[in-house]
mmCIF file of all heavy atoms, coordinates in Angstrom:
data_MODEL
# 
_entry.id   MODEL 
# 
loop_
_atom_site.group_PDB 
_atom_site.id 
_atom_site.type_symbol 
_atom_site.label_atom_id 
_atom_site.label_alt_id 
_atom_site.label_comp_id 
_atom_site.label_asym_id 
_atom_site.label_entity_id 
_atom_site.label_seq_id 
_atom_site.pdbx_PDB_ins_code 
_atom_site.Cartn_x 
_atom_site.Cartn_y 
_atom_site.Cartn_z 
_atom_site.occupancy 
_atom_site.B_iso_or_equiv 
_atom_site.pdbx_formal_charge 
_atom_site.auth_seq_id 
_atom_site.auth_comp_id 
_atom_site.auth_asym_id 
_atom_site.auth_atom_id 
_atom_site.pdbx_PDB_model_num 
ATOM 1   N N   . GLU A 1 1  ? 0.847  -1.212  0.076  1.00 0.00 ? 1  GLU A N   1 
ATOM 2   C CA  . GLU A 1 1  ? 0.016  0.031   -0.003 1.00 0.00 ? 1  GLU A CA  1 
ATOM 3   C C   . GLU A 1 1  ? 0.911  1.263   0.079  1.00 0.00 ? 1  GLU A C   1 
ATOM 4   O O   . GLU A 1 1  ? 0.604  2.178   -0.694 1.00 0.00 ? 1  GLU A O   1 
ATOM 5   C CB  . GLU A 1 1  ? -0.925 0.011   1.214  1.00 0.00 ? 1  GLU A CB  1 
ATOM 6   C CG  . GLU A 1 1  ? -2.080 -0.949  1.122  1.00 0.00 ? 1  GLU A CG  1 
ATOM 7   C CD  . GLU A 1 1  ? -2.923 -0.956  2.403  1.00 0.00 ? 1  GLU A CD  1 
ATOM 8   O OE1 . GLU A 1 1  ? -2.789 0.037   3.133  1.00 0.00 ? 1  GLU A OE1 1 
ATOM 9   O OE2 . GLU A 1 1  ? -3.800 -1.831  2.527  1.00 0.00 ? 1  GLU A OE2 1 
ATOM 10  N N   . PHE A 1 2  ? 1.927  1.237   0.849  1.00 0.00 ? 2  PHE A N   1 
ATOM 11  C CA  . PHE A 1 2  ? 2.772  2.513   0.865  1.00 0.00 ? 2  PHE A CA  1 
ATOM 12  C C   . PHE A 1 2  ? 3.636  2.603   -0.378 1.00 0.00 ? 2  PHE A C   1 
ATOM 13  O O   . PHE A 1 2  ? 3.839  3.806   -0.833 1.00 0.00 ? 2  PHE A O   1 
ATOM 14  C CB  . PHE A 1 2  ? 3.671  2.337   2.158  1.00 0.00 ? 2  PHE A CB  1 
ATOM 15  C CG  . PHE A 1 2  ? 2.914  2.781   3.427  1.00 0.00 ? 2  PHE A CG  1 
ATOM 16  C CD1 . PHE A 1 2  ? 2.094  1.922   4.053  1.00 0.00 ? 2  PHE A CD1 1 
ATOM 17  C CD2 . PHE A 1 2  ? 3.056  4.086   3.928  1.00 0.00 ? 2  PHE A CD2 1 
ATOM 18  C CE1 . PHE A 1 2  ? 1.373  2.391   5.155  1.00 0.00 ? 2  PHE A CE1 1 
ATOM 19  C CE2 . PHE A 1 2  ? 2.459  4.600   5.023  1.00 0.00 ? 2  PHE A CE2 1 
ATOM 20  C CZ  . PHE A 1 2  ? 1.500  3.599   5.684  1.00 0.00 ? 2  PHE A CZ  1 
ATOM 21  N N   . LEU A 1 3  ? 3.969  1.530   -0.992 1.00 0.00 ? 3  LEU A N   1 
ATOM 22  C CA  . LEU A 1 3  ? 4.728  1.649   -2.286 1.00 0.00 ? 3  LEU A CA  1 
ATOM 23  C C   . LEU A 1 3  ? 3.793  2.134   -3.382 1.00 0.00 ? 3  LEU A C   1 
ATOM 24  O O   . LEU A 1 3  ? 4.119  3.035   -4.118 1.00 0.00 ? 3  LEU A O   1 
ATOM 25  C CB  . LEU A 1 3  ? 5.284  0.156   -2.686 1.00 0.00 ? 3  LEU A CB  1 
ATOM 26  C CG  . LEU A 1 3  ? 6.473  -0.243  -1.894 1.00 0.00 ? 3  LEU A CG  1 
ATOM 27  C CD1 . LEU A 1 3  ? 6.811  -1.664  -2.228 1.00 0.00 ? 3  LEU A CD1 1 
ATOM 28  C CD2 . LEU A 1 3  ? 7.664  0.671   -2.238 1.00 0.00 ? 3  LEU A CD2 1 
ATOM 29  N N   . GLN A 1 4  ? 2.539  1.681   -3.332 1.00 0.00 ? 4  GLN A N   1 
ATOM 30  C CA  . GLN A 1 4  ? 1.636  2.137   -4.379 1.00 0.00 ? 4  GLN A CA  1 
ATOM 31  C C   . GLN A 1 4  ? 1.370  3.647   -4.275 1.00 0.00 ? 4  GLN A C   1 
ATOM 32  O O   . GLN A 1 4  ? 1.133  4.314   -5.167 1.00 0.00 ? 4  GLN A O   1 
ATOM 33  C CB  . GLN A 1 4  ? 0.319  1.349   -4.342 1.00 0.00 ? 4  GLN A CB  1 
ATOM 34  C CG  . GLN A 1 4  ? 0.407  -0.048  -4.797 1.00 0.00 ? 4  GLN A CG  1 
ATOM 35  C CD  . GLN A 1 4  ? -0.943 -0.736  -4.732 1.00 0.00 ? 4  GLN A CD  1 
ATOM 36  O OE1 . GLN A 1 4  ? -1.938 -0.282  -5.220 1.00 0.00 ? 4  GLN A OE1 1 
ATOM 37  N NE2 . GLN A 1 4  ? -0.993 -1.944  -4.038 1.00 0.00 ? 4  GLN A NE2 1 
ATOM 38  N N   . ALA A 1 5  ? 1.357  4.022   -3.056 1.00 0.00 ? 5  ALA A N   1 
ATOM 39  C CA  . ALA A 1 5  ? 1.135  5.542   -2.651 1.00 0.00 ? 5  ALA A CA  1 
ATOM 40  C C   . ALA A 1 5  ? 2.346  6.346   -2.766 1.00 0.00 ? 5  ALA A C   1 
ATOM 41  O O   . ALA A 1 5  ? 2.310  7.557   -2.689 1.00 0.00 ? 5  ALA A O   1 
ATOM 42  C CB  . ALA A 1 5  ? 0.665  5.627   -1.273 1.00 0.00 ? 5  ALA A CB  1 
ATOM 43  N N   . ASP A 1 6  ? 3.528  5.718   -3.260 1.00 0.00 ? 6  ASP A N   1 
ATOM 44  C CA  . ASP A 1 6  ? 4.764  6.367   -3.450 1.00 0.00 ? 6  ASP A CA  1 
ATOM 45  C C   . ASP A 1 6  ? 5.313  7.162   -2.197 1.00 0.00 ? 6  ASP A C   1 
ATOM 46  O O   . ASP A 1 6  ? 5.739  8.287   -2.245 1.00 0.00 ? 6  ASP A O   1 
ATOM 47  C CB  . ASP A 1 6  ? 4.712  7.386   -4.671 1.00 0.00 ? 6  ASP A CB  1 
ATOM 48  C CG  . ASP A 1 6  ? 6.028  7.743   -5.239 1.00 0.00 ? 6  ASP A CG  1 
ATOM 49  O OD1 . ASP A 1 6  ? 6.980  7.057   -4.934 1.00 0.00 ? 6  ASP A OD1 1 
ATOM 50  O OD2 . ASP A 1 6  ? 6.088  8.809   -5.848 1.00 0.00 ? 6  ASP A OD2 1 
ATOM 51  N N   . LEU A 1 7  ? 5.255  6.436   -1.065 1.00 0.00 ? 7  LEU A N   1 
ATOM 52  C CA  . LEU A 1 7  ? 5.701  6.959   0.129  1.00 0.00 ? 7  LEU A CA  1 
ATOM 53  C C   . LEU A 1 7  ? 6.870  6.365   0.806  1.00 0.00 ? 7  LEU A C   1 
ATOM 54  O O   . LEU A 1 7  ? 7.282  6.770   1.877  1.00 0.00 ? 7  LEU A O   1 
ATOM 55  C CB  . LEU A 1 7  ? 4.556  6.926   1.213  1.00 0.00 ? 7  LEU A CB  1 
ATOM 56  C CG  . LEU A 1 7  ? 3.208  7.560   0.880  1.00 0.00 ? 7  LEU A CG  1 
ATOM 57  C CD1 . LEU A 1 7  ? 2.151  7.185   1.830  1.00 0.00 ? 7  LEU A CD1 1 
ATOM 58  C CD2 . LEU A 1 7  ? 3.476  9.062   0.780  1.00 0.00 ? 7  LEU A CD2 1 
ATOM 59  N N   . ILE A 1 8  ? 7.474  5.426   -0.015 1.00 0.00 ? 8  ILE A N   1 
ATOM 60  C CA  . ILE A 1 8  ? 8.737  4.687   0.544  1.00 0.00 ? 8  ILE A CA  1 
ATOM 61  C C   . ILE A 1 8  ? 9.879  5.296   0.044  1.00 0.00 ? 8  ILE A C   1 
ATOM 62  O O   . ILE A 1 8  ? 9.984  5.565   -1.215 1.00 0.00 ? 8  ILE A O   1 
ATOM 63  C CB  . ILE A 1 8  ? 8.669  3.286   0.169  1.00 0.00 ? 8  ILE A CB  1 
ATOM 64  C CG1 . ILE A 1 8  ? 7.389  2.506   0.735  1.00 0.00 ? 8  ILE A CG1 1 
ATOM 65  C CG2 . ILE A 1 8  ? 9.914  2.480   0.686  1.00 0.00 ? 8  ILE A CG2 1 
ATOM 66  C CD1 . ILE A 1 8  ? 7.307  2.524   2.268  1.00 0.00 ? 8  ILE A CD1 1 
ATOM 67  N N   . ASP A 1 9  ? 10.840 5.626   0.824  1.00 0.00 ? 9  ASP A N   1 
ATOM 68  C CA  . ASP A 1 9  ? 12.208 6.247   0.383  1.00 0.00 ? 9  ASP A CA  1 
ATOM 69  C C   . ASP A 1 9  ? 13.313 5.142   0.294  1.00 0.00 ? 9  ASP A C   1 
ATOM 70  O O   . ASP A 1 9  ? 14.198 5.242   -0.417 1.00 0.00 ? 9  ASP A O   1 
ATOM 71  C CB  . ASP A 1 9  ? 12.572 7.358   1.341  1.00 0.00 ? 9  ASP A CB  1 
ATOM 72  C CG  . ASP A 1 9  ? 11.604 8.508   1.390  1.00 0.00 ? 9  ASP A CG  1 
ATOM 73  O OD1 . ASP A 1 9  ? 11.320 8.987   0.340  1.00 0.00 ? 9  ASP A OD1 1 
ATOM 74  O OD2 . ASP A 1 9  ? 11.112 8.710   2.510  1.00 0.00 ? 9  ASP A OD2 1 
ATOM 75  N N   . PHE A 1 10 ? 13.126 4.089   1.140  1.00 0.00 ? 10 PHE A N   1 
ATOM 76  C CA  . PHE A 1 10 ? 14.243 3.069   1.195  1.00 0.00 ? 10 PHE A CA  1 
ATOM 77  C C   . PHE A 1 10 ? 13.575 1.792   1.448  1.00 0.00 ? 10 PHE A C   1 
ATOM 78  O O   . PHE A 1 10 ? 12.741 1.658   2.337  1.00 0.00 ? 10 PHE A O   1 
ATOM 79  C CB  . PHE A 1 10 ? 15.187 3.388   2.191  1.00 0.00 ? 10 PHE A CB  1 
ATOM 80  C CG  . PHE A 1 10 ? 16.244 2.261   2.393  1.00 0.00 ? 10 PHE A CG  1 
ATOM 81  C CD1 . PHE A 1 10 ? 17.383 2.201   1.593  1.00 0.00 ? 10 PHE A CD1 1 
ATOM 82  C CD2 . PHE A 1 10 ? 16.129 1.339   3.476  1.00 0.00 ? 10 PHE A CD2 1 
ATOM 83  C CE1 . PHE A 1 10 ? 18.281 1.089   1.720  1.00 0.00 ? 10 PHE A CE1 1 
ATOM 84  C CE2 . PHE A 1 10 ? 17.068 0.406   3.657  1.00 0.00 ? 10 PHE A CE2 1 
ATOM 85  C CZ  . PHE A 1 10 ? 18.130 0.254   2.738  1.00 0.00 ? 10 PHE A CZ  1 
ATOM 86  N N   . LEU A 1 11 ? 14.052 0.740   0.736  1.00 0.00 ? 11 LEU A N   1 
ATOM 87  C CA  . LEU A 1 11 ? 13.418 -0.560  0.871  1.00 0.00 ? 11 LEU A CA  1 
ATOM 88  C C   . LEU A 1 11 ? 14.571 -1.632  0.872  1.00 0.00 ? 11 LEU A C   1 
ATOM 89  O O   . LEU A 1 11 ? 15.364 -1.759  -0.021 1.00 0.00 ? 11 LEU A O   1 
ATOM 90  C CB  . LEU A 1 11 ? 12.550 -0.851  -0.369 1.00 0.00 ? 11 LEU A CB  1 
ATOM 91  C CG  . LEU A 1 11 ? 11.761 -2.151  -0.473 1.00 0.00 ? 11 LEU A CG  1 
ATOM 92  C CD1 . LEU A 1 11 ? 10.659 -2.237  0.594  1.00 0.00 ? 11 LEU A CD1 1 
ATOM 93  C CD2 . LEU A 1 11 ? 11.145 -2.215  -1.822 1.00 0.00 ? 11 LEU A CD2 1 
ATOM 94  N N   . HIS A 1 12 ? 14.601 -2.403  2.018  1.00 0.00 ? 12 HIS A N   1 
ATOM 95  C CA  . HIS A 1 12 ? 15.571 -3.525  2.139  1.00 0.00 ? 12 HIS A CA  1 
ATOM 96  C C   . HIS A 1 12 ? 14.816 -4.847  2.031  1.00 0.00 ? 12 HIS A C   1 
ATOM 97  O O   . HIS A 1 12 ? 14.081 -5.183  2.849  1.00 0.00 ? 12 HIS A O   1 
ATOM 98  C CB  . HIS A 1 12 ? 16.293 -3.458  3.471  1.00 0.00 ? 12 HIS A CB  1 
ATOM 99  C CG  . HIS A 1 12 ? 17.124 -4.631  3.724  1.00 0.00 ? 12 HIS A CG  1 
ATOM 100 N ND1 . HIS A 1 12 ? 17.311 -5.092  5.080  1.00 0.00 ? 12 HIS A ND1 1 
ATOM 101 C CD2 . HIS A 1 12 ? 17.895 -5.489  3.015  1.00 0.00 ? 12 HIS A CD2 1 
ATOM 102 C CE1 . HIS A 1 12 ? 18.066 -6.208  5.100  1.00 0.00 ? 12 HIS A CE1 1 
ATOM 103 N NE2 . HIS A 1 12 ? 18.445 -6.417  3.856  1.00 0.00 ? 12 HIS A NE2 1 
ATOM 104 N N   . VAL A 1 13 ? 15.102 -5.506  0.793  1.00 0.00 ? 13 VAL A N   1 
ATOM 105 C CA  . VAL A 1 13 ? 14.426 -6.778  0.586  1.00 0.00 ? 13 VAL A CA  1 
ATOM 106 C C   . VAL A 1 13 ? 15.453 -7.900  0.587  1.00 0.00 ? 13 VAL A C   1 
ATOM 107 O O   . VAL A 1 13 ? 16.541 -7.737  0.174  1.00 0.00 ? 13 VAL A O   1 
ATOM 108 C CB  . VAL A 1 13 ? 13.682 -6.695  -0.893 1.00 0.00 ? 13 VAL A CB  1 
ATOM 109 C CG1 . VAL A 1 13 ? 13.174 -7.998  -1.242 1.00 0.00 ? 13 VAL A CG1 1 
ATOM 110 C CG2 . VAL A 1 13 ? 12.772 -5.563  -1.013 1.00 0.00 ? 13 VAL A CG2 1 
ATOM 111 N N   . VAL A 1 14 ? 15.043 -8.936  1.218  1.00 0.00 ? 14 VAL A N   1 
ATOM 112 C CA  . VAL A 1 14 ? 15.941 -10.166 1.342  1.00 0.00 ? 14 VAL A CA  1 
ATOM 113 C C   . VAL A 1 14 ? 15.322 -11.227 0.563  1.00 0.00 ? 14 VAL A C   1 
ATOM 114 O O   . VAL A 1 14 ? 14.299 -11.824 0.918  1.00 0.00 ? 14 VAL A O   1 
ATOM 115 C CB  . VAL A 1 14 ? 16.133 -10.489 2.818  1.00 0.00 ? 14 VAL A CB  1 
ATOM 116 C CG1 . VAL A 1 14 ? 17.200 -11.614 2.898  1.00 0.00 ? 14 VAL A CG1 1 
ATOM 117 C CG2 . VAL A 1 14 ? 16.527 -9.257  3.719  1.00 0.00 ? 14 VAL A CG2 1 
ATOM 118 N N   . ILE A 1 15 ? 15.954 -11.585 -0.555 1.00 0.00 ? 15 ILE A N   1 
ATOM 119 C CA  . ILE A 1 15 ? 15.433 -12.679 -1.414 1.00 0.00 ? 15 ILE A CA  1 
ATOM 120 C C   . ILE A 1 15 ? 15.978 -14.099 -0.812 1.00 0.00 ? 15 ILE A C   1 
ATOM 121 O O   . ILE A 1 15 ? 17.188 -14.278 -0.675 1.00 0.00 ? 15 ILE A O   1 
ATOM 122 C CB  . ILE A 1 15 ? 15.856 -12.627 -2.854 1.00 0.00 ? 15 ILE A CB  1 
ATOM 123 C CG1 . ILE A 1 15 ? 15.553 -11.146 -3.320 1.00 0.00 ? 15 ILE A CG1 1 
ATOM 124 C CG2 . ILE A 1 15 ? 15.232 -13.713 -3.677 1.00 0.00 ? 15 ILE A CG2 1 
ATOM 125 C CD1 . ILE A 1 15 ? 14.006 -10.862 -3.341 1.00 0.00 ? 15 ILE A CD1 1 
ATOM 126 N N   . VAL A 1 16 ? 15.041 -14.846 -0.407 1.00 0.00 ? 16 VAL A N   1 
ATOM 127 C CA  . VAL A 1 16 ? 15.357 -16.171 0.249  1.00 0.00 ? 16 VAL A CA  1 
ATOM 128 C C   . VAL A 1 16 ? 15.160 -17.271 -0.821 1.00 0.00 ? 16 VAL A C   1 
ATOM 129 O O   . VAL A 1 16 ? 14.085 -17.352 -1.481 1.00 0.00 ? 16 VAL A O   1 
ATOM 130 C CB  . VAL A 1 16 ? 14.449 -16.463 1.483  1.00 0.00 ? 16 VAL A CB  1 
ATOM 131 C CG1 . VAL A 1 16 ? 14.813 -17.753 2.184  1.00 0.00 ? 16 VAL A CG1 1 
ATOM 132 C CG2 . VAL A 1 16 ? 14.431 -15.278 2.363  1.00 0.00 ? 16 VAL A CG2 1 
ATOM 133 N N   . PRO A 1 17 ? 16.163 -18.130 -1.078 1.00 0.00 ? 17 PRO A N   1 
ATOM 134 C CA  . PRO A 1 17 ? 16.168 -19.017 -2.114 1.00 0.00 ? 17 PRO A CA  1 
ATOM 135 C C   . PRO A 1 17 ? 15.293 -20.374 -1.725 1.00 0.00 ? 17 PRO A C   1 
ATOM 136 O O   . PRO A 1 17 ? 15.669 -21.423 -1.656 1.00 0.00 ? 17 PRO A O   1 
ATOM 137 C CB  . PRO A 1 17 ? 17.646 -19.479 -2.272 1.00 0.00 ? 17 PRO A CB  1 
ATOM 138 C CG  . PRO A 1 17 ? 18.176 -19.350 -0.824 1.00 0.00 ? 17 PRO A CG  1 
ATOM 139 C CD  . PRO A 1 17 ? 17.500 -18.159 -0.297 1.00 0.00 ? 17 PRO A CD  1 
ATOM 140 N N   . ILE A 1 18 ? 13.933 -20.069 -1.565 1.00 0.00 ? 18 ILE A N   1 
ATOM 141 C CA  . ILE A 1 18 ? 13.043 -21.060 -1.445 1.00 0.00 ? 18 ILE A CA  1 
ATOM 142 C C   . ILE A 1 18 ? 11.829 -20.766 -2.382 1.00 0.00 ? 18 ILE A C   1 
ATOM 143 O O   . ILE A 1 18 ? 11.620 -19.565 -2.724 1.00 0.00 ? 18 ILE A O   1 
ATOM 144 C CB  . ILE A 1 18 ? 12.514 -21.230 -0.040 1.00 0.00 ? 18 ILE A CB  1 
ATOM 145 C CG1 . ILE A 1 18 ? 11.842 -19.907 0.581  1.00 0.00 ? 18 ILE A CG1 1 
ATOM 146 C CG2 . ILE A 1 18 ? 13.679 -21.592 0.984  1.00 0.00 ? 18 ILE A CG2 1 
ATOM 147 C CD1 . ILE A 1 18 ? 11.195 -20.007 1.857  1.00 0.00 ? 18 ILE A CD1 1 
ATOM 148 N N   . VAL A 1 19 ? 11.039 -21.712 -2.628 1.00 0.00 ? 19 VAL A N   1 
ATOM 149 C CA  . VAL A 1 19 ? 9.695  -21.600 -3.433 1.00 0.00 ? 19 VAL A CA  1 
ATOM 150 C C   . VAL A 1 19 ? 8.475  -21.916 -2.586 1.00 0.00 ? 19 VAL A C   1 
ATOM 151 O O   . VAL A 1 19 ? 8.442  -23.082 -2.159 1.00 0.00 ? 19 VAL A O   1 
ATOM 152 C CB  . VAL A 1 19 ? 9.738  -22.371 -4.710 1.00 0.00 ? 19 VAL A CB  1 
ATOM 153 C CG1 . VAL A 1 19 ? 8.392  -22.330 -5.466 1.00 0.00 ? 19 VAL A CG1 1 
ATOM 154 C CG2 . VAL A 1 19 ? 10.932 -22.012 -5.723 1.00 0.00 ? 19 VAL A CG2 1 
ATOM 155 N N   . LEU A 1 20 ? 7.697  -20.957 -2.276 1.00 0.00 ? 20 LEU A N   1 
ATOM 156 C CA  . LEU A 1 20 ? 6.554  -21.216 -1.345 1.00 0.00 ? 20 LEU A CA  1 
ATOM 157 C C   . LEU A 1 20 ? 5.288  -21.685 -2.225 1.00 0.00 ? 20 LEU A C   1 
ATOM 158 O O   . LEU A 1 20 ? 4.521  -22.422 -1.692 1.00 0.00 ? 20 LEU A O   1 
ATOM 159 C CB  . LEU A 1 20 ? 6.154  -20.008 -0.648 1.00 0.00 ? 20 LEU A CB  1 
ATOM 160 C CG  . LEU A 1 20 ? 7.247  -19.604 0.407  1.00 0.00 ? 20 LEU A CG  1 
ATOM 161 C CD1 . LEU A 1 20 ? 6.817  -18.331 1.128  1.00 0.00 ? 20 LEU A CD1 1 
ATOM 162 C CD2 . LEU A 1 20 ? 7.389  -20.631 1.531  1.00 0.00 ? 20 LEU A CD2 1 
ATOM 163 N N   . GLY A 1 21 ? 5.121  -21.053 -3.359 1.00 0.00 ? 21 GLY A N   1 
ATOM 164 C CA  . GLY A 1 21 ? 3.982  -21.528 -4.206 1.00 0.00 ? 21 GLY A CA  1 
ATOM 165 C C   . GLY A 1 21 ? 2.604  -20.893 -3.919 1.00 0.00 ? 21 GLY A C   1 
ATOM 166 O O   . GLY A 1 21 ? 1.867  -20.915 -4.761 1.00 0.00 ? 21 GLY A O   1 
ATOM 167 N N   . SER A 1 22 ? 2.593  -20.315 -2.784 1.00 0.00 ? 22 SER A N   1 
ATOM 168 C CA  . SER A 1 22 ? 1.297  -19.584 -2.374 1.00 0.00 ? 22 SER A CA  1 
ATOM 169 C C   . SER A 1 22 ? 1.580  -18.643 -1.255 1.00 0.00 ? 22 SER A C   1 
ATOM 170 O O   . SER A 1 22 ? 2.643  -18.733 -0.639 1.00 0.00 ? 22 SER A O   1 
ATOM 171 C CB  . SER A 1 22 ? 0.206  -20.603 -2.003 1.00 0.00 ? 22 SER A CB  1 
ATOM 172 O OG  . SER A 1 22 ? 0.564  -21.260 -0.838 1.00 0.00 ? 22 SER A OG  1 
ATOM 173 N N   . GLY A 1 23 ? 0.609  -17.809 -0.946 1.00 0.00 ? 23 GLY A N   1 
ATOM 174 C CA  . GLY A 1 23 ? 0.799  -16.824 0.188  1.00 0.00 ? 23 GLY A CA  1 
ATOM 175 C C   . GLY A 1 23 ? 0.437  -15.467 -0.318 1.00 0.00 ? 23 GLY A C   1 
ATOM 176 O O   . GLY A 1 23 ? -0.374 -15.186 -1.254 1.00 0.00 ? 23 GLY A O   1 
ATOM 177 N N   . VAL A 1 24 ? 1.027  -14.512 0.350  1.00 0.00 ? 24 VAL A N   1 
ATOM 178 C CA  . VAL A 1 24 ? 0.761  -13.113 0.153  1.00 0.00 ? 24 VAL A CA  1 
ATOM 179 C C   . VAL A 1 24 ? 1.952  -12.555 -0.689 1.00 0.00 ? 24 VAL A C   1 
ATOM 180 O O   . VAL A 1 24 ? 3.169  -12.526 -0.274 1.00 0.00 ? 24 VAL A O   1 
ATOM 181 C CB  . VAL A 1 24 ? 0.614  -12.166 1.321  1.00 0.00 ? 24 VAL A CB  1 
ATOM 182 C CG1 . VAL A 1 24 ? 0.375  -10.762 1.042  1.00 0.00 ? 24 VAL A CG1 1 
ATOM 183 C CG2 . VAL A 1 24 ? -0.515 -12.855 2.284  1.00 0.00 ? 24 VAL A CG2 1 
ATOM 184 N N   . ARG A 1 25 ? 1.697  -12.123 -1.972 1.00 0.00 ? 25 ARG A N   1 
ATOM 185 C CA  . ARG A 1 25 ? 2.750  -11.564 -2.791 1.00 0.00 ? 25 ARG A CA  1 
ATOM 186 C C   . ARG A 1 25 ? 3.109  -10.125 -2.414 1.00 0.00 ? 25 ARG A C   1 
ATOM 187 O O   . ARG A 1 25 ? 2.271  -9.395  -1.990 1.00 0.00 ? 25 ARG A O   1 
ATOM 188 C CB  . ARG A 1 25 ? 2.384  -11.708 -4.307 1.00 0.00 ? 25 ARG A CB  1 
ATOM 189 C CG  . ARG A 1 25 ? 2.148  -13.155 -4.625 1.00 0.00 ? 25 ARG A CG  1 
ATOM 190 C CD  . ARG A 1 25 ? 1.735  -13.251 -6.136 1.00 0.00 ? 25 ARG A CD  1 
ATOM 191 N NE  . ARG A 1 25 ? 2.821  -12.632 -6.977 1.00 0.00 ? 25 ARG A NE  1 
ATOM 192 C CZ  . ARG A 1 25 ? 3.909  -13.304 -7.465 1.00 0.00 ? 25 ARG A CZ  1 
ATOM 193 N NH1 . ARG A 1 25 ? 4.067  -14.507 -7.101 1.00 0.00 ? 25 ARG A NH1 1 
ATOM 194 N NH2 . ARG A 1 25 ? 4.742  -12.630 -8.128 1.00 0.00 ? 25 ARG A NH2 1 
ATOM 195 N N   . ILE A 1 26 ? 4.328  -9.724  -2.720 1.00 0.00 ? 26 ILE A N   1 
ATOM 196 C CA  . ILE A 1 26 ? 4.755  -8.385  -2.420 1.00 0.00 ? 26 ILE A CA  1 
ATOM 197 C C   . ILE A 1 26 ? 4.756  -7.476  -3.698 1.00 0.00 ? 26 ILE A C   1 
ATOM 198 O O   . ILE A 1 26 ? 4.468  -6.334  -3.616 1.00 0.00 ? 26 ILE A O   1 
ATOM 199 C CB  . ILE A 1 26 ? 6.107  -8.388  -1.761 1.00 0.00 ? 26 ILE A CB  1 
ATOM 200 C CG1 . ILE A 1 26 ? 6.555  -6.921  -1.484 1.00 0.00 ? 26 ILE A CG1 1 
ATOM 201 C CG2 . ILE A 1 26 ? 7.212  -8.961  -2.632 1.00 0.00 ? 26 ILE A CG2 1 
ATOM 202 C CD1 . ILE A 1 26 ? 5.666  -6.278  -0.587 1.00 0.00 ? 26 ILE A CD1 1 
ATOM 203 N N   . TRP A 1 27 ? 4.895  -8.019  -4.985 1.00 0.00 ? 27 TRP A N   1 
ATOM 204 C CA  . TRP A 1 27 ? 5.053  -7.269  -6.081 1.00 0.00 ? 27 TRP A CA  1 
ATOM 205 C C   . TRP A 1 27 ? 3.903  -6.939  -6.938 1.00 0.00 ? 27 TRP A C   1 
ATOM 206 O O   . TRP A 1 27 ? 3.893  -6.247  -7.920 1.00 0.00 ? 27 TRP A O   1 
ATOM 207 C CB  . TRP A 1 27 ? 6.195  -7.801  -6.973 1.00 0.00 ? 27 TRP A CB  1 
ATOM 208 C CG  . TRP A 1 27 ? 7.505  -8.033  -6.268 1.00 0.00 ? 27 TRP A CG  1 
ATOM 209 C CD1 . TRP A 1 27 ? 8.205  -9.140  -6.110 1.00 0.00 ? 27 TRP A CD1 1 
ATOM 210 C CD2 . TRP A 1 27 ? 8.292  -6.985  -5.550 1.00 0.00 ? 27 TRP A CD2 1 
ATOM 211 N NE1 . TRP A 1 27 ? 9.420  -8.961  -5.408 1.00 0.00 ? 27 TRP A NE1 1 
ATOM 212 C CE2 . TRP A 1 27 ? 9.423  -7.564  -5.074 1.00 0.00 ? 27 TRP A CE2 1 
ATOM 213 C CE3 . TRP A 1 27 ? 8.076  -5.602  -5.345 1.00 0.00 ? 27 TRP A CE3 1 
ATOM 214 C CZ2 . TRP A 1 27 ? 10.366 -6.932  -4.387 1.00 0.00 ? 27 TRP A CZ2 1 
ATOM 215 C CZ3 . TRP A 1 27 ? 9.045  -4.872  -4.602 1.00 0.00 ? 27 TRP A CZ3 1 
ATOM 216 C CH2 . TRP A 1 27 ? 10.248 -5.633  -4.127 1.00 0.00 ? 27 TRP A CH2 1 
# 
């Protein structure tokens, strides 16, 4: 929601080498 509203200045994302197949997506 905050990314869509263009309110984020810095984002630290950690890509974990697993495949979940379902859940809540971020992108």
